[in-house]
Amino acid sequence: MTLRNRTARILIVGGALLAASTLAGCGQISTLFGGAQRDSDTNEVTEAGTDSVFDIQVGDCMAEPEGDEVFDVDVVPCSEEHDYEFYYAYDLDLGEGFPTDEAMTTDADQKCYDAFTDFVGIPAEESASLAFNYYLPSPESWADGDRQVQCMVVEVDESGAAVPVTGSLKGSKR
């Protein structure tokens, strides 16, 4: 996969109380063009950079992406200020053809919700300030074989806007 052939993924906002892939070989290409640097033993981000949305990994922290279709994200060490933390990924299993938006969001709402509870330590509706978002395949990325949903936790204010945090939200129970 080259950077010129990247295909968008779509950022979707989760349900009512909720605010707002790795492809082999792509990580090396991103690093050549300013991608995040990782610890060789833990694979944690040690130096900020811009990575393809397909290169982000569970545990990565990132700035809020711009727009509805996302190609690249600014990844930072979780010890630095960030908006989102990627906490869960899974592949959609909704049949052969490109699923409807409703089918994908229903599936992602439930699976990201369940994983949110496991990751944060309380259900999303009990959280005073945390919500989840997710990336879904676009029709173009689906045609390229993308089936992955990427779930991200975010702290939000009363209006639903992302509030920057420092540190991981894993086990925060907030």
C-alpha atoms as a PDB file:
ATOM      1  CA  MET A   1       0.000   0.000   0.000  1.00  0.00           C
ATOM      2  CA  THR A   2       1.375   3.407  -0.871  1.00  0.00           C
ATOM      3  CA  LEU A   3       0.406   6.710   0.658  1.00  0.00           C
ATOM      4  CA  ARG A   4      -1.085   7.843  -2.647  1.00  0.00           C
ATOM      5  CA  ASN A   5      -3.501   4.904  -2.708  1.00  0.00           C
ATOM      6  CA  ARG A   6      -4.915   5.421   0.769  1.00  0.00           C
ATOM      7  CA  THR A   7      -8.657   5.130   1.095  1.00  0.00           C
ATOM      8  CA  ALA A   8     -10.750   7.078   3.579  1.00  0.00           C
ATOM      9  CA  ARG A   9     -12.392   5.713   6.661  1.00  0.00           C
ATOM     10  CA  ILE A  10     -15.435   7.382   8.095  1.00  0.00           C
ATOM     11  CA  LEU A  11     -15.637   8.768  11.633  1.00  0.00           C
ATOM     12  CA  ILE A  12     -19.039   8.095  13.133  1.00  0.00           C
ATOM     13  CA  VAL A  13     -20.418   9.424  16.385  1.00  0.00           C
ATOM     14  CA  GLY A  14     -21.885   6.806  18.703  1.00  0.00           C
ATOM     15  CA  GLY A  15     -25.503   6.644  19.984  1.00  0.00           C
ATOM     16  CA  ALA A  16     -27.747   8.928  22.055  1.00  0.00           C
ATOM     17  CA  LEU A  17     -25.620   9.502  25.152  1.00  0.00           C
ATOM     18  CA  LEU A  18     -22.393   9.345  23.211  1.00  0.00           C
ATOM     19  CA  ALA A  19     -20.621  12.350  21.753  1.00  0.00           C
ATOM     20  CA  ALA A  20     -19.224  12.665  18.929  1.00  0.00           C
ATOM     21  CA  SER A  21      -6.276  -1.265  10.792  1.00  0.00           C
ATOM     22  CA  THR A  22      -3.565  -2.062  10.432  1.00  0.00           C
ATOM     23  CA  LEU A  23      -2.395  -3.176   6.970  1.00  0.00           C
ATOM     24  CA  ALA A  24       0.898  -5.011   6.854  1.00  0.00           C
ATOM     25  CA  GLY A  25       3.773  -2.860   5.658  1.00  0.00           C
ATOM     26  CA  CYS A  26       2.068   0.531   5.908  1.00  0.00           C
ATOM     27  CA  GLY A  27       3.747   1.446   9.196  1.00  0.00           C
ATOM     28  CA  GLN A  28       7.166   1.606   7.644  1.00  0.00           C
ATOM     29  CA  ILE A  29       5.943   3.944   4.911  1.00  0.00           C
ATOM     30  CA  SER A  30       4.286   6.281   7.447  1.00  0.00           C
ATOM     31  CA  THR A  31       7.512   6.483   9.438  1.00  0.00           C
ATOM     32  CA  LEU A  32       9.364   7.704   6.341  1.00  0.00           C
ATOM     33  CA  PHE A  33       6.894  10.581   6.022  1.00  0.00           C
ATOM     34  CA  GLY A  34       6.763  11.808   9.635  1.00  0.00           C
ATOM     35  CA  GLY A  35       4.858   8.945  11.246  1.00  0.00           C
ATOM     36  CA  ALA A  36       4.790   8.420  14.982  1.00  0.00           C
ATOM     37  CA  GLN A  37       7.881   6.766  16.462  1.00  0.00           C
ATOM     38  CA  ARG A  38       7.324   3.642  18.581  1.00  0.00           C
ATOM     39  CA  ASP A  39       9.229   1.824  21.298  1.00  0.00           C
ATOM     40  CA  SER A  40      10.643  -1.322  19.701  1.00  0.00           C
ATOM     41  CA  ASP A  41       9.703  -3.493  22.711  1.00  0.00           C
ATOM     42  CA  THR A  42       6.287  -2.175  23.767  1.00  0.00           C
ATOM     43  CA  ASN A  43       5.171  -0.638  20.448  1.00  0.00           C
ATOM     44  CA  GLU A  44       3.945   2.409  22.400  1.00  0.00           C
ATOM     45  CA  VAL A  45       4.201   5.784  20.687  1.00  0.00           C
ATOM     46  CA  THR A  46       7.258   7.648  21.978  1.00  0.00           C
ATOM     47  CA  GLU A  47       7.309  10.568  19.536  1.00  0.00           C
ATOM     48  CA  ALA A  48       4.341  12.288  17.879  1.00  0.00           C
ATOM     49  CA  GLY A  49       3.736  12.038  14.149  1.00  0.00           C
ATOM     50  CA  THR A  50       1.086  11.739  11.494  1.00  0.00           C
ATOM     51  CA  ASP A  51       0.037   8.191  10.597  1.00  0.00           C
ATOM     52  CA  SER A  52      -2.389   6.712   8.137  1.00  0.00           C
ATOM     53  CA  VAL A  53      -5.657   5.797   9.827  1.00  0.00           C
ATOM     54  CA  PHE A  54      -4.824   2.225   8.790  1.00  0.00           C
ATOM     55  CA  ASP A  55      -1.597   2.314  10.830  1.00  0.00           C
ATOM     56  CA  ILE A  56      -2.986   3.353  14.198  1.00  0.00           C
ATOM     57  CA  GLN A  57      -3.021   0.660  16.842  1.00  0.00           C
ATOM     58  CA  VAL A  58      -5.016  -0.126  19.952  1.00  0.00           C
ATOM     59  CA  GLY A  59      -3.482   1.972  22.725  1.00  0.00           C
ATOM     60  CA  ASP A  60      -2.623   4.927  20.480  1.00  0.00           C
ATOM     61  CA  CYS A  61      -3.644   8.442  21.522  1.00  0.00           C
ATOM     62  CA  MET A  62      -4.410  11.092  18.942  1.00  0.00           C
ATOM     63  CA  ALA A  63      -5.671  14.572  18.204  1.00  0.00           C
ATOM     64  CA  GLU A  64      -9.243  15.066  17.041  1.00  0.00           C
ATOM     65  CA  PRO A  65      -9.399  14.431  13.301  1.00  0.00           C
ATOM     66  CA  GLU A  66     -10.867  16.990  10.948  1.00  0.00           C
ATOM     67  CA  GLY A  67     -13.790  16.184   8.655  1.00  0.00           C
ATOM     68  CA  ASP A  68     -16.029  13.174   8.221  1.00  0.00           C
ATOM     69  CA  GLU A  69     -13.637  11.158   6.080  1.00  0.00           C
ATOM     70  CA  VAL A  70     -10.298  10.484   7.710  1.00  0.00           C
ATOM     71  CA  PHE A  71      -7.075   9.538   5.940  1.00  0.00           C
ATOM     72  CA  ASP A  72      -4.410  10.565   8.460  1.00  0.00           C
ATOM     73  CA  VAL A  73      -4.369  11.174  12.218  1.00  0.00           C
ATOM     74  CA  ASP A  74      -1.926  12.994  14.480  1.00  0.00           C
ATOM     75  CA  VAL A  75      -0.700  10.351  16.937  1.00  0.00           C
ATOM     76  CA  VAL A  76       0.984  11.372  20.210  1.00  0.00           C
ATOM     77  CA  PRO A  77       2.310   9.577  23.283  1.00  0.00           C
ATOM     78  CA  CYS A  78      -0.594   9.154  25.723  1.00  0.00           C
ATOM     79  CA  SER A  79       1.463  11.019  28.316  1.00  0.00           C
ATOM     80  CA  GLU A  80       0.973  14.155  26.179  1.00  0.00           C
ATOM     81  CA  GLU A  81      -2.256  16.086  25.684  1.00  0.00           C
ATOM     82  CA  HIS A  82      -4.618  14.322  23.254  1.00  0.00           C
ATOM     83  CA  ASP A  83      -8.311  14.039  22.364  1.00  0.00           C
ATOM     84  CA  TYR A  84      -8.872  10.348  21.569  1.00  0.00           C
ATOM     85  CA  GLU A  85      -7.542   6.991  22.730  1.00  0.00           C
ATOM     86  CA  PHE A  86      -7.958   3.965  20.443  1.00  0.00           C
ATOM     87  CA  TYR A  87      -9.176   1.181  22.741  1.00  0.00           C
ATOM     88  CA  TYR A  88     -10.717  -1.594  20.634  1.00  0.00           C
ATOM     89  CA  ALA A  89     -10.805  -2.914  17.061  1.00  0.00           C
ATOM     90  CA  TYR A  90     -12.753  -5.651  15.352  1.00  0.00           C
ATOM     91  CA  ASP A  91     -13.772  -6.716  11.849  1.00  0.00           C
ATOM     92  CA  LEU A  92     -17.349  -6.300  10.696  1.00  0.00           C
ATOM     93  CA  ASP A  93     -19.091  -9.556   9.815  1.00  0.00           C
ATOM     94  CA  LEU A  94     -22.263  -8.322   8.133  1.00  0.00           C
ATOM     95  CA  GLY A  95     -22.303 -10.290   4.897  1.00  0.00           C
ATOM     96  CA  GLU A  96     -20.599  -9.988   1.546  1.00  0.00           C
ATOM     97  CA  GLY A  97     -21.601  -6.584   0.165  1.00  0.00           C
ATOM     98  CA  PHE A  98     -21.006  -3.150   1.651  1.00  0.00           C
ATOM     99  CA  PRO A  99     -23.386  -2.924   4.638  1.00  0.00           C
ATOM    100  CA  THR A 100     -25.809  -0.082   5.184  1.00  0.00           C
ATOM    101  CA  ASP A 101     -24.779   2.771   7.470  1.00  0.00           C
ATOM    102  CA  GLU A 102     -27.503   1.669   9.874  1.00  0.00           C
ATOM    103  CA  ALA A 103     -26.180  -1.907  10.031  1.00  0.00           C
ATOM    104  CA  MET A 104     -22.607  -0.745  10.618  1.00  0.00           C
ATOM    105  CA  THR A 105     -23.502   1.855  13.253  1.00  0.00           C
ATOM    106  CA  THR A 106     -25.812  -0.545  15.103  1.00  0.00           C
ATOM    107  CA  ASP A 107     -23.056  -3.147  15.197  1.00  0.00           C
ATOM    108  CA  ALA A 108     -20.348  -0.632  16.170  1.00  0.00           C
ATOM    109  CA  ASP A 109     -22.531   1.055  18.809  1.00  0.00           C
ATOM    110  CA  GLN A 110     -22.981  -2.267  20.608  1.00  0.00           C
ATOM    111  CA  LYS A 111     -19.444  -3.616  20.284  1.00  0.00           C
ATOM    112  CA  CYS A 112     -17.708  -0.319  21.086  1.00  0.00           C
ATOM    113  CA  TYR A 113     -20.116   0.139  24.019  1.00  0.00           C
ATOM    114  CA  ASP A 114     -19.267  -3.307  25.415  1.00  0.00           C
ATOM    115  CA  ALA A 115     -15.532  -2.704  24.967  1.00  0.00           C
ATOM    116  CA  PHE A 116     -15.889   0.795  26.534  1.00  0.00           C
ATOM    117  CA  THR A 117     -17.183  -0.803  29.727  1.00  0.00           C
ATOM    118  CA  ASP A 118     -14.247  -3.216  29.773  1.00  0.00           C
ATOM    119  CA  PHE A 119     -11.707  -0.469  29.002  1.00  0.00           C
ATOM    120  CA  VAL A 120     -12.947   2.420  31.175  1.00  0.00           C
ATOM    121  CA  GLY A 121     -14.395   0.268  33.968  1.00  0.00           C
ATOM    122  CA  ILE A 122     -17.971   1.610  33.888  1.00  0.00           C
ATOM    123  CA  PRO A 123     -20.721   1.636  31.248  1.00  0.00           C
ATOM    124  CA  ALA A 124     -20.796   4.677  28.953  1.00  0.00           C
ATOM    125  CA  GLU A 125     -24.131   5.911  30.311  1.00  0.00           C
ATOM    126  CA  GLU A 126     -22.666   6.031  33.835  1.00  0.00           C
ATOM    127  CA  SER A 127     -19.746   8.180  32.738  1.00  0.00           C
ATOM    128  CA  ALA A 128     -20.083  11.878  33.536  1.00  0.00           C
ATOM    129  CA  SER A 129     -17.606  12.975  30.869  1.00  0.00           C
ATOM    130  CA  LEU A 130     -16.445  10.114  28.625  1.00  0.00           C
ATOM    131  CA  ALA A 131     -17.968   8.917  25.375  1.00  0.00           C
ATOM    132  CA  PHE A 132     -16.882   6.849  22.407  1.00  0.00           C
ATOM    133  CA  ASN A 133     -16.531   7.362  18.684  1.00  0.00           C
ATOM    134  CA  TYR A 134     -15.428   4.980  15.985  1.00  0.00           C
ATOM    135  CA  TYR A 135     -14.066   4.730  12.479  1.00  0.00           C
ATOM    136  CA  LEU A 136     -16.002   2.650   9.977  1.00  0.00           C
ATOM    137  CA  PRO A 137     -14.962   1.484   6.526  1.00  0.00           C
ATOM    138  CA  SER A 138     -15.982   3.754   3.668  1.00  0.00           C
ATOM    139  CA  PRO A 139     -17.317   2.223   0.436  1.00  0.00           C
ATOM    140  CA  GLU A 140     -13.877   2.787  -1.110  1.00  0.00           C
ATOM    141  CA  SER A 141     -11.910   1.195   1.733  1.00  0.00           C
ATOM    142  CA  TRP A 142     -14.419  -1.689   1.821  1.00  0.00           C
ATOM    143  CA  ALA A 143     -13.668  -2.364  -1.862  1.00  0.00           C
ATOM    144  CA  ASP A 144      -9.979  -2.560  -0.866  1.00  0.00           C
ATOM    145  CA  GLY A 145     -10.750  -5.219   1.780  1.00  0.00           C
ATOM    146  CA  ASP A 146     -11.159  -2.982   4.848  1.00  0.00           C
ATOM    147  CA  ARG A 147     -13.620  -4.447   7.370  1.00  0.00           C
ATOM    148  CA  GLN A 148     -12.222  -2.969  10.588  1.00  0.00           C
ATOM    149  CA  VAL A 149     -14.066  -0.828  13.115  1.00  0.00           C
ATOM    150  CA  GLN A 150     -11.783   1.240  15.363  1.00  0.00           C
ATOM    151  CA  CYS A 151     -13.285   2.345  18.708  1.00  0.00           C
ATOM    152  CA  MET A 152     -11.971   5.443  20.492  1.00  0.00           C
ATOM    153  CA  VAL A 153     -12.737   6.964  23.889  1.00  0.00           C
ATOM    154  CA  VAL A 154     -12.951  10.739  24.277  1.00  0.00           C
ATOM    155  CA  GLU A 155     -13.632  13.160  27.104  1.00  0.00           C
ATOM    156  CA  VAL A 156     -16.384  15.624  26.196  1.00  0.00           C
ATOM    157  CA  ASP A 157     -17.792  18.841  27.623  1.00  0.00           C
ATOM    158  CA  GLU A 158     -21.493  19.681  28.030  1.00  0.00           C
ATOM    159  CA  SER A 159     -21.789  20.535  24.316  1.00  0.00           C
ATOM    160  CA  GLY A 160     -20.230  17.221  23.243  1.00  0.00           C
ATOM    161  CA  ALA A 161     -16.934  18.771  22.097  1.00  0.00           C
ATOM    162  CA  ALA A 162     -13.706  16.888  22.759  1.00  0.00           C
ATOM    163  CA  VAL A 163     -11.755  18.009  25.824  1.00  0.00           C
ATOM    164  CA  PRO A 164      -7.995  17.327  25.705  1.00  0.00           C
ATOM    165  CA  VAL A 165      -6.689  14.890  28.331  1.00  0.00           C
ATOM    166  CA  THR A 166      -3.258  13.705  29.442  1.00  0.00           C
ATOM    167  CA  GLY A 167      -2.653  10.035  30.240  1.00  0.00           C
ATOM    168  CA  SER A 168      -4.619   6.923  29.434  1.00  0.00           C
ATOM    169  CA  LEU A 169      -8.320   6.637  30.215  1.00  0.00           C
ATOM    170  CA  LYS A 170      -7.972   2.882  30.738  1.00  0.00           C
ATOM    171  CA  GLY A 171      -9.551   1.920  34.061  1.00  0.00           C
ATOM    172  CA  SER A 172     -10.351   5.569  34.844  1.00  0.00           C
ATOM    173  CA  LYS A 173     -13.979   4.802  35.849  1.00  0.00           C
ATOM    174  CA  ARG A 174     -15.008   8.368  35.087  1.00  0.00           C
END
